Each structure stands twice: as C-alpha cells, then as structure tokens.
Amino acid sequence: MRRAVVAITSLLVALGAAVVISYLLLFSAVADRAAQATPADTAAYLNVYLQPSVGQQMNLFALIGRLRGFGDAAALEGKIDEVAQRLLGQAGIDYVNDVHPWLGAQLAVSVAPGEGGDAPQILLLAAVKDPAAARAAVPRLLASGGASFTPDTYRGQATMTSSQASYALLSDLLLVATTPERLHAALDAEANREPSLADLPAFRAAMSAVAADHLASAYLDLPRTVGIAAGGHVGGYGTAALALTADPDGLHVAGSVPFTADAASDEARAAHALGARSSTLAAWVPRTSSAEAVVFGLAQSFADLEATIAHDSALAPAADALNQLRAIAALGLGVNVDRDVLPLVDGEVAVALEGVGPEGPHGQVLLRPGDPAAGEAALDRIRTALVDRGSTVTTQQVQGSTVTAITVPLIGHLAYAVVDDVVLLALDPADVAAAIDARAAGQTLADDERYASAFERAGAHAGNEIWADLPTLTDALAGIIDPGTEVRDILHQIGELAMSASAVDDRLEIKTVLTVK
C-alpha cells in the first residue's frame, strides 16, 4: 500500500510539474527588456513583442490563418516576411537582407516632450538576436536615409552620431535616437546611472493593471504629454496603460486610466461621471454608416483644459490659440463660444461617417445636450448671428420635422434639425434627412447586429465609444486614402472595430476588439 501511495504521489507531482512547465513555456509573459534602457522622462512608450509567448502566437496565427492567402501554417512566417518586405520596401528598406537577419523578439518606441518648444525626442529600441549580423546591416540600413555618421564614445560605449539620428549597438539591443542627447540618456538608463522607465513606480503600477501576457502594450504619461510636471494630472487622469492580446474571437486591447477625483476640477469630475452613461445616439445613426464615435462631456472637458493651461506658463501658446479661436468665432461669425457652442456639447456628442464623395464627406454630427432647451436656444442664436452676417436660410419638411439649411458666404453650407431633443447636423440637408428617415424606419446602428455583436465581443458598452466596419470604411475613404492593393485586401477580410471607454468608480476602463471574418 505504501509503495502505491508513493507511486501515486510521485505521479501527481510529476503531472503538476508538467502542467506548470507547460504553462510557463506556452503562456508566460515575455520580459520587457527595452524599458530598462528607456529614460524615465518618457511621456509615451509603445512596445511590440515580435516573438510573444507560444500561447499568444497560437491565438494570433489562428486569426491570421483566417485571412485569404495566410491559411497555410507552414508557410505563414514566409508570407509575413513577404508582406513586410513589400511594405518596408516602399520606404527604401530591404527587410529580408538588412532587418530580418538580426532583429530579435522586441521592438519599442519612446517619445519625450522637447524642451522650450523643441520637437519631441524619439527613441527606437530594437532587440538584437545576432550581433554580428546587426553590426554588418545596421550601418548600411541607417546610412540609406542619407545621413553621414561620426564615430564617438559615451561612457565607454561606441556610438554613431549625426544631425538626423544617433545610434548605439549593444550586445542585445539597438538604440536609435533623434538626437545625441537622447541617445546618451538611454545609455545612462541602461547603465543604471539614471532611472529608467522600468524603475518608475507609476510605470510598474500601470503595467500591472493590464494583461501580463500580451502582444503589444502602450504606456502614456498624460501630464508629461501636455507639458505638465511629473506627478500632475490632466482632468484627474495621470498615467494610462493598454495591452493588445490575441483571443479566438479577435484582437483585444484593454486597459485602464486611474481617475483621482481630489486632483480634478468640478468640470473634470462631471465629465468623468458622464462617461458611465450608455450611448443613445446610435439610434439616430443610419445603418449605412461606416464609422461612428461618441464622446460625453466635451464642454466640461474643454472648461477643465482651459483652466489647466491658463495656470501653466509653459502652455501659453495653447492658451493663445484658444483665445484666437474665440475671437475668430465672435468677429467673423458673431458666435460666442461659451454661450452659443458649449451648451450644445455638454451631454452626448456623436460623429458618424458614411463616405467621402467628390463634394466632401457625408455623415452627421449628433448632439444630445444636457439641457435640451438651452441647447436649442443656443442653436437659434447661432442661426440669427449667421443671418445677420449675410447667410441665407432655407427649410424643408422630413418626416414631420423641419430641416434648416444655412449657406454661409465664403465658408460653405450647414444643415440641422432638432428632433426629440437631439440636434442633427450635417453639411448636406440630405444627410440630416437620412438620419431622420433611418430613425423612423428602424434602420440605424442601434438595430444593426454588426454594431451590437462587436461591443458584446469587446466586453463593455458604455461611455465614450468608437465603432467602424473596416471593409466599408476602407471603401468609404478610397477617394482620399489608398492603402495599396495588398493592405486593402487584408482590410476587406477584417470585420468590425469596437472600443468602449467607460467610467467605473475611480478609473476609466478601455476595452476594444478587432474582429476577423
């Protein structure tokens, strides 16, 4: 009996060890090596794992395999290399000979604000799997852009500098910066002479809130991005982190942005609270639309932003731009931004796009003001001001509602209607009529399975949102954007994009899905 117990115990231990080892090999997260060489003053950091965990690779390859021409698993890697060669070849980069032989498992980009109005400082970090191949290919690759490099050293590390870019090739990492100073900052972080991004508690806390096993991630220090000192807040928000993962139903992006109510103004707290509501304006967006976006509390966010920049001398140019905008609206159009515009956007705002024709975009801007009466009064004041400055007005009836068209000299056309406390705006009266007709016929996005199922897969549907039918959107933008035949074919095989950014207590939760047919 004792031998049996020992044997069974040994078997269970062996099975347990096998499960743990299998999990670690297949599904464990990949370490973020590049963050250790990224300076701590980084405002934005994007990281991509070119060789993620086997679990993520399995899910990703399963999704890619649904695309026409990518179904053969044995030839998948070669097909991906072929696409990369064609895309990068348009930029003069020979991927097969100058990149693929040495490029390792990670690629990252960091951005830091420039000082005194200078351009942002960009740092590219690429993992190196074959140092010898990198030493042979990198100089040729970077010199192809026309830069002439000068050899130098920094703290004992060989560097190459120029007026366009500077780089250093470590044993396992290539660092390319827009300036020598940024390269030196990266080398200081790598040598632990200065704090790196990986050392920051804010970065570690943000990344701990997203899925550890992911394909790519993004980190954003909102205060640094707008020029506010570290530790500050923008509308109550500090740092944000997102992670991209591959699941059987599509690609998911999820993350959160902590909200500190004590650090926020009354307006920012009001805007955050509105983000917990569910969108209603999709019930007015025609089903034929290719994309839609909804934002809550624009007026409150604008007031908070204006108050923030007014008290920071570093943001004086932004304050001047807002003052100029107010002056142009008042003098040129007779419109008072605070009195006539903000009351229209203090609730729910949606923008829908159907397509872009020779005469311009077709779609609608839909508004549900927090105070419908105040919103309609503001709209009447705008109309009166425009007429007083020479605009002409015509009206027509659609489904019992009045559609007003205004022609503004030297500017263009504007049409609107107010139906059931919703303001419908467009450049063409026909687009306003389309929204009214769609609502009456039950032919809106709210009634469309594409819209509902996409948010169901995303896992949330409240607050600010973005939705797009990518094949339809690709065709809708064909007149102004040509992604190329190969990319266009891939986009036509992808389904919907749905993103929800909803307020939940002390944070803003972001959930996104990109489906594959």
Protein backbone atom coordinates (compact mmCIF):
# COMPACT_ATOMS: atom_id res chain seq x y z
CA MET A 1 0.00 0.00 0.00
CA ARG A 2 2.81 2.39 0.94
CA ARG A 3 4.51 1.83 -2.42
CA ALA A 4 1.22 2.59 -4.19
CA VAL A 5 0.79 5.81 -2.23
CA VAL A 6 4.37 6.84 -3.01
CA ALA A 7 3.90 5.98 -6.68
CA ILE A 8 0.63 7.94 -6.93
CA THR A 9 2.15 10.89 -5.09
CA SER A 10 5.16 10.88 -7.40
CA LEU A 11 2.85 10.72 -10.42
CA LEU A 12 0.77 13.68 -9.20
CA VAL A 13 3.91 15.71 -8.51
CA ALA A 14 5.24 14.90 -11.98
CA LEU A 15 1.91 15.81 -13.59
CA GLY A 16 1.75 19.05 -11.61
CA ALA A 17 5.29 19.95 -12.61
CA ALA A 18 4.46 19.19 -16.24
CA VAL A 19 1.41 21.46 -16.11
CA VAL A 20 3.40 24.29 -14.54
CA ILE A 21 6.27 23.93 -17.01
CA SER A 22 3.86 23.77 -19.95
CA TYR A 23 2.10 26.92 -18.76
CA LEU A 24 5.39 28.75 -18.33
CA LEU A 25 6.58 27.73 -21.77
CA LEU A 26 3.32 28.34 -23.61
CA PHE A 27 1.60 31.20 -21.86
CA SER A 28 4.09 33.07 -19.70
CA ALA A 29 4.64 36.77 -20.37
CA VAL A 30 7.73 38.00 -22.20
CA ALA A 31 10.05 40.34 -20.28
CA ASP A 32 10.16 44.00 -21.33
CA ARG A 33 13.89 44.41 -21.96
CA ALA A 34 13.58 47.74 -23.77
CA ALA A 35 12.01 49.54 -20.78
CA GLN A 36 15.32 49.12 -18.93
CA ALA A 37 17.05 51.36 -21.49
CA THR A 38 14.23 53.88 -21.82
CA PRO A 39 14.75 57.19 -19.94
CA ALA A 40 12.36 57.85 -17.06
CA ASP A 41 11.14 61.15 -18.51
CA THR A 42 9.35 59.32 -21.32
CA ALA A 43 5.81 60.56 -21.99
CA ALA A 44 4.70 57.79 -24.35
CA TYR A 45 6.03 54.25 -24.77
CA LEU A 46 4.89 51.65 -27.30
CA ASN A 47 6.21 48.11 -27.08
CA VAL A 48 5.70 45.21 -29.51
CA TYR A 49 6.77 41.61 -28.91
CA LEU A 50 7.75 40.14 -32.27
CA GLN A 51 8.07 36.72 -30.61
CA PRO A 52 5.39 36.63 -27.88
CA SER A 53 4.55 33.63 -25.72
CA VAL A 54 3.57 30.49 -27.58
CA GLY A 55 0.02 30.84 -26.28
CA GLN A 56 -0.33 34.29 -27.85
CA GLN A 57 1.35 33.07 -31.03
CA MET A 58 -1.15 30.23 -31.32
CA ASN A 59 -4.11 32.60 -31.00
CA LEU A 60 -2.57 35.15 -33.35
CA PHE A 61 -1.71 32.62 -36.03
CA ALA A 62 -5.23 31.19 -35.79
CA LEU A 63 -6.65 34.66 -36.50
CA ILE A 64 -4.18 35.39 -39.29
CA GLY A 65 -4.90 31.99 -40.77
CA ARG A 66 -8.46 33.13 -41.50
CA LEU A 67 -7.14 35.71 -43.93
CA ARG A 68 -7.05 34.65 -47.55
CA GLY A 69 -3.51 33.61 -48.52
CA PHE A 70 -2.39 33.12 -44.90
CA GLY A 71 -4.11 29.81 -44.17
CA ASP A 72 -1.07 27.55 -44.65
CA ALA A 73 0.52 27.44 -41.19
CA ALA A 74 3.78 26.02 -42.57
CA ALA A 75 4.21 28.95 -44.95
CA LEU A 76 2.80 31.61 -42.62
CA GLU A 77 6.12 33.05 -41.43
CA GLY A 78 7.37 33.32 -45.00
CA LYS A 79 4.16 35.06 -46.04
CA ILE A 80 4.50 37.58 -43.21
CA ASP A 81 8.11 38.26 -44.24
CA GLU A 82 6.94 38.77 -47.81
CA VAL A 83 4.35 41.36 -46.74
CA ALA A 84 6.91 43.12 -44.52
CA GLN A 85 9.38 43.22 -47.42
CA ARG A 86 6.82 44.85 -49.69
CA LEU A 87 5.60 47.41 -47.15
CA LEU A 88 9.05 48.42 -45.91
CA GLY A 89 10.39 48.35 -49.44
CA GLN A 90 8.20 51.38 -50.18
CA ALA A 91 10.33 53.25 -47.62
CA GLY A 92 13.58 52.03 -49.18
CA ILE A 93 14.23 49.37 -46.50
CA ASP A 94 15.36 45.89 -47.53
CA TYR A 95 13.69 43.89 -44.76
CA VAL A 96 14.95 40.47 -45.82
CA ASN A 97 18.65 41.43 -46.00
CA ASP A 98 19.02 44.39 -43.64
CA VAL A 99 16.49 43.73 -40.86
CA HIS A 100 15.29 40.14 -40.60
CA PRO A 101 18.73 38.51 -40.02
CA TRP A 102 19.37 40.39 -36.76
CA LEU A 103 16.01 41.65 -35.46
CA GLY A 104 15.09 39.96 -32.20
CA ALA A 105 11.93 39.49 -30.20
CA GLN A 106 11.07 43.09 -29.28
CA LEU A 107 10.60 46.48 -30.87
CA ALA A 108 9.77 49.61 -28.85
CA VAL A 109 9.43 53.37 -29.36
CA SER A 110 9.51 56.06 -26.69
CA VAL A 111 8.66 59.75 -27.01
CA ALA A 112 9.61 62.56 -24.64
CA PRO A 113 8.49 66.20 -24.95
CA GLY A 114 11.06 68.59 -26.34
CA GLU A 115 12.32 71.40 -24.16
CA GLY A 116 11.46 75.04 -24.85
CA GLY A 117 9.20 74.24 -27.78
CA ASP A 118 11.67 71.88 -29.44
CA ALA A 119 10.45 68.85 -31.36
CA PRO A 120 9.67 65.71 -29.33
CA GLN A 121 12.62 63.39 -28.73
CA ILE A 122 12.11 59.92 -30.15
CA LEU A 123 13.97 56.77 -29.22
CA LEU A 124 13.71 53.46 -31.09
CA LEU A 125 14.78 50.28 -29.29
CA ALA A 126 15.11 47.01 -31.19
CA ALA A 127 16.13 43.66 -29.75
CA VAL A 128 19.16 42.08 -31.43
CA LYS A 129 19.35 38.30 -31.84
CA ASP A 130 22.53 38.21 -33.95
CA PRO A 131 25.06 40.94 -33.01
CA ALA A 132 27.38 40.09 -35.90
CA ALA A 133 24.59 40.40 -38.45
CA ALA A 134 23.47 43.66 -36.83
CA ARG A 135 26.98 45.14 -37.00
CA ALA A 136 27.04 44.40 -40.72
CA ALA A 137 23.50 45.54 -41.58
CA VAL A 138 22.66 48.45 -39.25
CA PRO A 139 25.22 50.96 -40.63
CA ARG A 140 24.04 50.19 -44.15
CA LEU A 141 20.40 50.41 -43.12
CA LEU A 142 20.70 53.77 -41.35
CA ALA A 143 23.03 55.28 -43.93
CA SER A 144 20.44 54.55 -46.64
CA GLY A 145 18.48 57.57 -45.38
CA GLY A 146 21.31 59.87 -46.47
CA ALA A 147 22.77 60.57 -43.01
CA SER A 148 26.53 60.80 -42.51
CA PHE A 149 27.57 59.42 -39.12
CA THR A 150 30.55 60.31 -36.96
CA PRO A 151 32.04 57.70 -34.60
CA ASP A 152 32.09 58.68 -30.94
CA THR A 153 32.03 57.16 -27.48
CA TYR A 154 29.88 57.81 -24.45
CA ARG A 155 30.80 56.34 -21.07
CA GLY A 156 32.89 53.75 -22.88
CA GLN A 157 30.13 52.75 -25.31
CA ALA A 158 30.72 53.20 -29.05
CA THR A 159 28.16 55.49 -30.67
CA MET A 160 27.44 56.91 -34.12
CA THR A 161 26.06 60.44 -34.32
CA SER A 162 24.66 62.74 -36.99
CA SER A 163 22.32 65.73 -37.25
CA GLN A 164 19.47 63.40 -38.25
CA ALA A 165 19.88 60.46 -35.88
CA SER A 166 22.32 58.83 -33.50
CA TYR A 167 22.64 55.19 -32.54
CA ALA A 168 24.45 52.66 -30.40
CA LEU A 169 24.56 48.92 -30.91
CA LEU A 170 24.65 46.95 -27.66
CA SER A 171 25.09 43.18 -27.47
CA ASP A 172 21.34 42.59 -27.38
CA LEU A 173 19.76 45.96 -28.16
CA LEU A 174 19.92 48.63 -30.87
CA LEU A 175 19.24 52.19 -29.70
CA VAL A 176 18.39 54.83 -32.31
CA ALA A 177 17.59 58.39 -31.16
CA THR A 178 16.72 61.62 -32.91
CA THR A 179 19.46 63.48 -31.01
CA PRO A 180 22.78 62.55 -29.39
CA GLU A 181 21.43 63.80 -26.05
CA ARG A 182 18.53 61.36 -26.18
CA LEU A 183 20.89 58.52 -27.03
CA HIS A 184 23.08 59.45 -24.07
CA ALA A 185 20.00 59.48 -21.79
CA ALA A 186 19.15 55.96 -22.96
CA LEU A 187 22.68 54.74 -22.32
CA ASP A 188 22.56 56.31 -18.83
CA ALA A 189 19.32 54.45 -18.12
CA GLU A 190 20.77 51.21 -19.47
CA ALA A 191 23.85 51.57 -17.23
CA ASN A 192 21.69 52.42 -14.18
CA ARG A 193 23.36 55.83 -13.94
CA GLU A 194 19.90 57.43 -14.24
CA PRO A 195 16.42 55.99 -13.59
CA SER A 196 14.85 54.07 -16.45
CA LEU A 197 11.18 53.76 -17.30
CA ALA A 198 11.24 50.29 -15.77
CA ASP A 199 12.32 51.87 -12.47
CA LEU A 200 9.31 54.18 -12.21
CA PRO A 201 6.59 53.09 -9.72
CA ALA A 202 3.97 54.76 -11.94
CA PHE A 203 5.04 52.67 -14.94
CA ARG A 204 5.12 49.44 -12.96
CA ALA A 205 1.72 50.15 -11.42
CA ALA A 206 0.18 50.97 -14.79
CA MET A 207 1.55 47.85 -16.47
CA SER A 208 0.49 45.63 -13.58
CA ALA A 209 -3.11 46.58 -14.32
CA VAL A 210 -3.08 45.09 -17.84
CA ALA A 211 -2.77 41.51 -19.08
CA ALA A 212 0.78 40.32 -18.36
CA ASP A 213 0.86 38.05 -21.42
CA HIS A 214 0.33 40.29 -24.45
CA LEU A 215 1.43 41.01 -27.98
CA ALA A 216 1.97 44.73 -27.53
CA SER A 217 1.47 47.43 -24.94
CA ALA A 218 1.28 51.19 -24.69
CA TYR A 219 2.03 53.49 -21.77
CA LEU A 220 1.09 57.17 -21.68
CA ASP A 221 2.01 59.72 -19.05
CA LEU A 222 -0.73 62.26 -19.74
CA PRO A 223 0.76 65.17 -17.73
CA ARG A 224 4.16 64.84 -19.44
CA THR A 225 2.42 64.62 -22.83
CA VAL A 226 0.82 68.05 -22.44
CA GLY A 227 3.84 69.57 -20.74
CA ILE A 228 2.76 69.33 -17.11
CA ALA A 229 5.34 68.35 -14.50
CA ALA A 230 5.58 64.71 -13.48
CA GLY A 231 3.10 63.73 -10.80
CA GLY A 232 0.42 66.11 -12.11
CA HIS A 233 -2.94 65.27 -13.58
CA VAL A 234 -4.91 66.13 -16.70
CA GLY A 235 -8.59 66.27 -15.87
CA GLY A 236 -7.94 63.99 -12.91
CA TYR A 237 -6.10 61.43 -15.05
CA GLY A 238 -2.40 60.60 -14.65
CA THR A 239 -0.99 57.59 -16.49
CA ALA A 240 -2.62 55.12 -18.86
CA ALA A 241 -1.65 51.62 -19.94
CA LEU A 242 -3.12 49.36 -22.62
CA ALA A 243 -2.26 45.84 -23.76
CA LEU A 244 -3.02 44.07 -27.03
CA THR A 245 -3.86 40.36 -26.81
CA ALA A 246 -4.94 37.76 -29.32
CA ASP A 247 -8.02 35.72 -28.47
CA PRO A 248 -10.02 33.24 -30.56
CA ASP A 249 -12.69 35.87 -31.34
CA GLY A 250 -10.30 38.64 -32.36
CA LEU A 251 -7.63 41.08 -31.24
CA HIS A 252 -8.39 42.80 -27.93
CA VAL A 253 -6.98 45.99 -26.45
CA ALA A 254 -7.76 46.52 -22.78
CA GLY A 255 -6.51 48.80 -20.07
CA SER A 256 -7.45 51.50 -17.64
CA VAL A 257 -6.70 55.09 -16.70
CA PRO A 258 -6.86 55.81 -12.94
CA PHE A 259 -9.00 58.83 -12.03
CA THR A 260 -8.09 60.87 -8.95
CA ALA A 261 -11.17 62.87 -8.00
CA ASP A 262 -9.30 65.01 -5.46
CA ALA A 263 -6.91 66.18 -8.20
CA ALA A 264 -9.73 67.01 -10.61
CA SER A 265 -11.81 70.16 -11.03
CA ASP A 266 -15.59 70.17 -10.73
CA GLU A 267 -15.82 70.16 -14.52
CA ALA A 268 -13.47 67.17 -14.82
CA ARG A 269 -15.43 65.22 -12.22
CA ALA A 270 -18.64 65.98 -14.10
CA ALA A 271 -17.13 64.82 -17.40
CA HIS A 272 -15.86 61.61 -15.78
CA ALA A 273 -19.31 60.87 -14.31
CA LEU A 274 -20.94 61.28 -17.73
CA GLY A 275 -18.63 58.55 -19.03
CA ALA A 276 -20.65 55.97 -17.11
CA ARG A 277 -23.71 56.52 -19.31
CA SER A 278 -24.65 54.37 -22.27
CA SER A 279 -24.76 55.95 -25.70
CA THR A 280 -28.20 56.72 -27.15
CA LEU A 281 -27.24 58.47 -30.37
CA ALA A 282 -26.50 55.22 -32.21
CA ALA A 283 -30.30 55.04 -32.53
CA TRP A 284 -30.05 58.02 -34.93
CA VAL A 285 -27.01 56.95 -36.95
CA PRO A 286 -28.01 55.42 -40.33
CA ARG A 287 -27.13 51.76 -40.74
CA THR A 288 -25.27 52.66 -43.94
CA SER A 289 -22.62 54.49 -41.89
CA SER A 290 -19.12 53.04 -41.98
CA ALA A 291 -17.87 54.53 -38.70
CA GLU A 292 -19.17 56.27 -35.59
CA ALA A 293 -17.68 57.85 -32.46
CA VAL A 294 -19.36 59.08 -29.27
CA VAL A 295 -17.93 61.41 -26.62
CA PHE A 296 -19.53 62.57 -23.37
CA GLY A 297 -18.97 65.90 -21.61
CA LEU A 298 -16.98 67.83 -24.21
CA ALA A 299 -17.99 71.16 -22.71
CA GLN A 300 -16.85 70.13 -19.24
CA SER A 301 -13.56 68.74 -20.55
CA PHE A 302 -12.96 71.92 -22.54
CA ALA A 303 -13.53 74.08 -19.46
CA ASP A 304 -11.15 71.93 -17.41
CA LEU A 305 -8.48 72.01 -20.13
CA GLU A 306 -8.74 75.77 -20.48
CA ALA A 307 -8.38 76.25 -16.72
CA THR A 308 -5.34 73.96 -16.68
CA ILE A 309 -3.44 75.73 -19.45
CA ALA A 310 -4.33 79.17 -18.08
CA HIS A 311 -2.32 78.43 -14.93
CA ASP A 312 0.75 76.98 -16.65
CA SER A 313 3.09 79.39 -18.42
CA ALA A 314 4.58 76.52 -20.43
CA LEU A 315 1.19 76.10 -22.12
CA ALA A 316 0.81 79.78 -23.04
CA PRO A 317 0.80 79.03 -26.83
CA ALA A 318 -2.21 76.74 -26.35
CA ALA A 319 -4.00 79.44 -24.33
CA ASP A 320 -3.29 81.97 -27.10
CA ALA A 321 -4.70 79.57 -29.71
CA LEU A 322 -7.95 79.21 -27.76
CA ASN A 323 -8.26 82.97 -27.40
CA GLN A 324 -7.75 83.37 -31.14
CA LEU A 325 -10.43 80.75 -31.79
CA ARG A 326 -12.88 82.68 -29.64
CA ALA A 327 -12.02 85.94 -31.40
CA ILE A 328 -12.46 84.44 -34.87
CA ALA A 329 -15.83 82.96 -33.94
CA ALA A 330 -17.03 86.22 -32.38
CA LEU A 331 -15.77 88.65 -35.02
CA GLY A 332 -16.22 86.53 -38.10
CA LEU A 333 -19.44 84.69 -37.30
CA GLY A 334 -20.93 86.54 -34.37
CA VAL A 335 -20.83 83.35 -32.31
CA ASN A 336 -19.94 83.35 -28.61
CA VAL A 337 -18.21 80.02 -27.95
CA ASP A 338 -19.13 79.88 -24.24
CA ARG A 339 -22.74 80.97 -24.66
CA ASP A 340 -23.61 79.51 -28.06
CA VAL A 341 -21.44 76.41 -28.59
CA LEU A 342 -20.61 74.79 -25.25
CA PRO A 343 -24.30 74.32 -24.23
CA LEU A 344 -24.68 72.11 -27.29
CA VAL A 345 -21.86 69.74 -26.31
CA ASP A 346 -22.28 69.37 -22.54
CA GLY A 347 -24.00 65.99 -22.87
CA GLU A 348 -23.56 63.36 -25.57
CA VAL A 349 -21.87 64.05 -28.91
CA ALA A 350 -21.61 61.62 -31.83
CA VAL A 351 -19.95 61.80 -35.23
CA ALA A 352 -20.96 59.38 -37.99
CA LEU A 353 -19.31 58.90 -41.37
CA GLU A 354 -20.93 57.27 -44.37
CA GLY A 355 -18.37 58.10 -47.02
CA VAL A 356 -16.38 60.77 -48.80
CA GLY A 357 -17.55 61.96 -52.19
CA PRO A 358 -16.13 64.50 -54.66
CA GLU A 359 -18.04 67.24 -52.87
CA GLY A 360 -16.83 66.26 -49.41
CA PRO A 361 -17.70 63.93 -46.52
CA HIS A 362 -21.18 62.55 -45.94
CA GLY A 363 -22.36 61.85 -42.43
CA GLN A 364 -23.77 63.54 -39.37
CA VAL A 365 -22.82 65.22 -36.11
CA LEU A 366 -25.44 64.33 -33.48
CA LEU A 367 -25.85 66.20 -30.19
CA ARG A 368 -27.91 65.44 -27.11
CA PRO A 369 -27.37 68.49 -24.84
CA GLY A 370 -27.64 68.09 -21.08
CA ASP A 371 -30.26 70.86 -21.14
CA PRO A 372 -32.25 70.47 -24.39
CA ALA A 373 -33.95 73.86 -24.07
CA ALA A 374 -30.62 75.66 -23.54
CA GLY A 375 -29.14 73.77 -26.47
CA GLU A 376 -31.97 74.73 -28.82
CA ALA A 377 -31.77 78.36 -27.68
CA ALA A 378 -28.01 78.34 -28.43
CA LEU A 379 -28.71 76.92 -31.89
CA ASP A 380 -31.24 79.72 -32.56
CA ARG A 381 -28.66 82.34 -31.53
CA ILE A 382 -26.09 80.85 -33.91
CA ARG A 383 -28.60 80.92 -36.76
CA THR A 384 -29.54 84.55 -36.06
CA ALA A 385 -25.87 85.61 -35.88
CA LEU A 386 -25.10 83.94 -39.21
CA VAL A 387 -28.11 85.53 -40.91
CA ASP A 388 -27.08 88.94 -39.58
CA ARG A 389 -23.74 88.46 -41.37
CA GLY A 390 -25.25 87.66 -44.74
CA SER A 391 -26.05 83.93 -44.56
CA THR A 392 -29.17 82.63 -46.30
CA VAL A 393 -31.62 80.11 -44.85
CA THR A 394 -33.97 77.58 -46.44
CA THR A 395 -36.16 74.91 -44.83
CA GLN A 396 -37.84 71.66 -45.78
CA GLN A 397 -40.01 69.09 -44.02
CA VAL A 398 -38.83 65.49 -43.46
CA GLN A 399 -40.98 63.02 -41.52
CA GLY A 400 -42.78 65.97 -39.91
CA SER A 401 -39.53 67.63 -38.76
CA THR A 402 -38.02 70.88 -40.06
CA VAL A 403 -34.60 70.62 -41.71
CA THR A 404 -32.88 74.02 -41.88
CA ALA A 405 -30.09 74.69 -44.40
CA ILE A 406 -27.76 77.68 -43.96
CA THR A 407 -25.39 78.94 -46.66
CA VAL A 408 -22.50 80.90 -45.09
CA PRO A 409 -20.67 83.18 -47.57
CA LEU A 410 -17.05 82.18 -48.26
CA ILE A 411 -17.35 79.21 -45.88
CA GLY A 412 -19.94 76.71 -47.06
CA HIS A 413 -23.17 75.04 -46.04
CA LEU A 414 -24.64 73.76 -42.78
CA ALA A 415 -27.90 71.90 -42.22
CA TYR A 416 -29.62 70.93 -38.99
CA ALA A 417 -32.80 69.68 -37.39
CA VAL A 418 -33.93 69.22 -33.79
CA VAL A 419 -35.94 66.06 -33.21
CA ASP A 420 -36.85 64.62 -29.79
CA ASP A 421 -34.19 66.75 -28.03
CA VAL A 422 -31.49 65.55 -30.45
CA VAL A 423 -29.68 68.03 -32.70
CA LEU A 424 -28.79 66.58 -36.11
CA LEU A 425 -26.06 68.48 -38.00
CA ALA A 426 -24.55 67.88 -41.45
CA LEU A 427 -23.01 69.71 -44.38
CA ASP A 428 -25.82 68.50 -46.65
CA PRO A 429 -29.56 68.60 -45.85
CA ALA A 430 -29.84 65.14 -47.41
CA ASP A 431 -27.59 63.74 -44.66
CA VAL A 432 -29.81 65.26 -41.96
CA ALA A 433 -32.83 63.77 -43.72
CA ALA A 434 -31.06 60.39 -43.89
CA ALA A 435 -30.74 60.30 -40.09
CA ILE A 436 -34.39 61.23 -39.61
CA ASP A 437 -35.53 58.58 -42.11
CA ALA A 438 -33.26 55.91 -40.58
CA ARG A 439 -34.69 56.61 -37.12
CA ALA A 440 -38.27 56.38 -38.41
CA ALA A 441 -37.61 53.12 -40.30
CA GLY A 442 -35.59 51.41 -37.57
CA GLN A 443 -32.60 51.25 -39.89
CA THR A 444 -29.93 52.58 -37.51
CA LEU A 445 -26.72 51.25 -35.99
CA ALA A 446 -28.59 50.51 -32.77
CA ASP A 447 -30.66 48.00 -34.79
CA ASP A 448 -27.62 46.51 -36.54
CA GLU A 449 -26.15 43.17 -35.46
CA ARG A 450 -22.66 44.27 -36.59
CA TYR A 451 -22.72 47.08 -34.04
CA ALA A 452 -24.22 45.11 -31.16
CA SER A 453 -22.09 41.97 -31.58
CA ALA A 454 -18.84 43.95 -31.83
CA PHE A 455 -19.40 45.59 -28.44
CA GLU A 456 -20.53 42.27 -26.97
CA ARG A 457 -17.17 40.81 -28.00
CA ALA A 458 -15.33 43.84 -26.65
CA GLY A 459 -16.84 43.10 -23.25
CA ALA A 460 -18.23 46.56 -22.46
CA HIS A 461 -20.54 49.15 -23.97
CA ALA A 462 -20.86 52.38 -22.02
CA GLY A 463 -19.39 55.86 -22.08
CA ASN A 464 -17.22 57.09 -24.94
CA GLU A 465 -17.06 54.74 -27.91
CA ILE A 466 -15.72 54.16 -31.39
CA TRP A 467 -17.19 51.74 -33.92
CA ALA A 468 -16.16 51.04 -37.50
CA ASP A 469 -16.92 48.46 -40.17
CA LEU A 470 -13.40 48.31 -41.62
CA PRO A 471 -14.23 46.90 -45.08
CA THR A 472 -16.94 49.55 -45.55
CA LEU A 473 -14.71 52.28 -44.10
CA THR A 474 -11.87 51.29 -46.43
CA ASP A 475 -14.17 51.77 -49.42
CA ALA A 476 -15.62 54.97 -47.96
CA LEU A 477 -12.16 56.55 -47.73
CA ALA A 478 -10.90 55.20 -51.06
CA GLY A 479 -11.07 58.65 -52.61
CA ILE A 480 -8.57 60.18 -50.16
CA ILE A 481 -6.56 57.23 -48.80
CA ASP A 482 -5.13 54.43 -50.92
CA PRO A 483 -3.54 51.79 -48.65
CA GLY A 484 -2.42 49.69 -51.61
CA THR A 485 -3.94 46.56 -53.08
CA GLU A 486 -2.45 44.09 -50.59
CA VAL A 487 -3.40 46.07 -47.48
CA ARG A 488 -6.84 46.80 -48.93
CA ASP A 489 -7.46 43.09 -49.49
CA ILE A 490 -6.49 42.35 -45.88
CA LEU A 491 -8.76 45.11 -44.54
CA HIS A 492 -11.67 43.71 -46.55
CA GLN A 493 -11.28 40.41 -44.68
CA ILE A 494 -11.38 42.07 -41.25
CA GLY A 495 -14.69 42.73 -39.57
CA GLU A 496 -15.55 45.44 -37.04
CA LEU A 497 -13.62 47.61 -34.62
CA ALA A 498 -15.39 48.48 -31.38
CA MET A 499 -13.93 50.48 -28.49
CA SER A 500 -15.62 51.43 -25.24
CA ALA A 501 -14.08 53.84 -22.71
CA SER A 502 -16.37 53.83 -19.69
CA ALA A 503 -16.07 55.45 -16.27
CA VAL A 504 -16.09 52.94 -13.43
CA ASP A 505 -15.64 54.49 -9.95
CA ASP A 506 -12.02 55.62 -9.77
CA ARG A 507 -10.87 54.77 -13.30
CA LEU A 508 -11.66 54.86 -16.98
CA GLU A 509 -11.83 51.33 -18.39
CA ILE A 510 -10.92 50.86 -22.04
CA LYS A 511 -11.95 47.73 -23.94
CA THR A 512 -11.51 47.25 -27.66
CA VAL A 513 -11.95 44.40 -30.11
CA LEU A 514 -10.99 43.96 -33.76
CA THR A 515 -12.80 41.02 -35.28
CA VAL A 516 -11.62 38.85 -38.15
CA LYS A 517 -14.12 37.27 -40.52
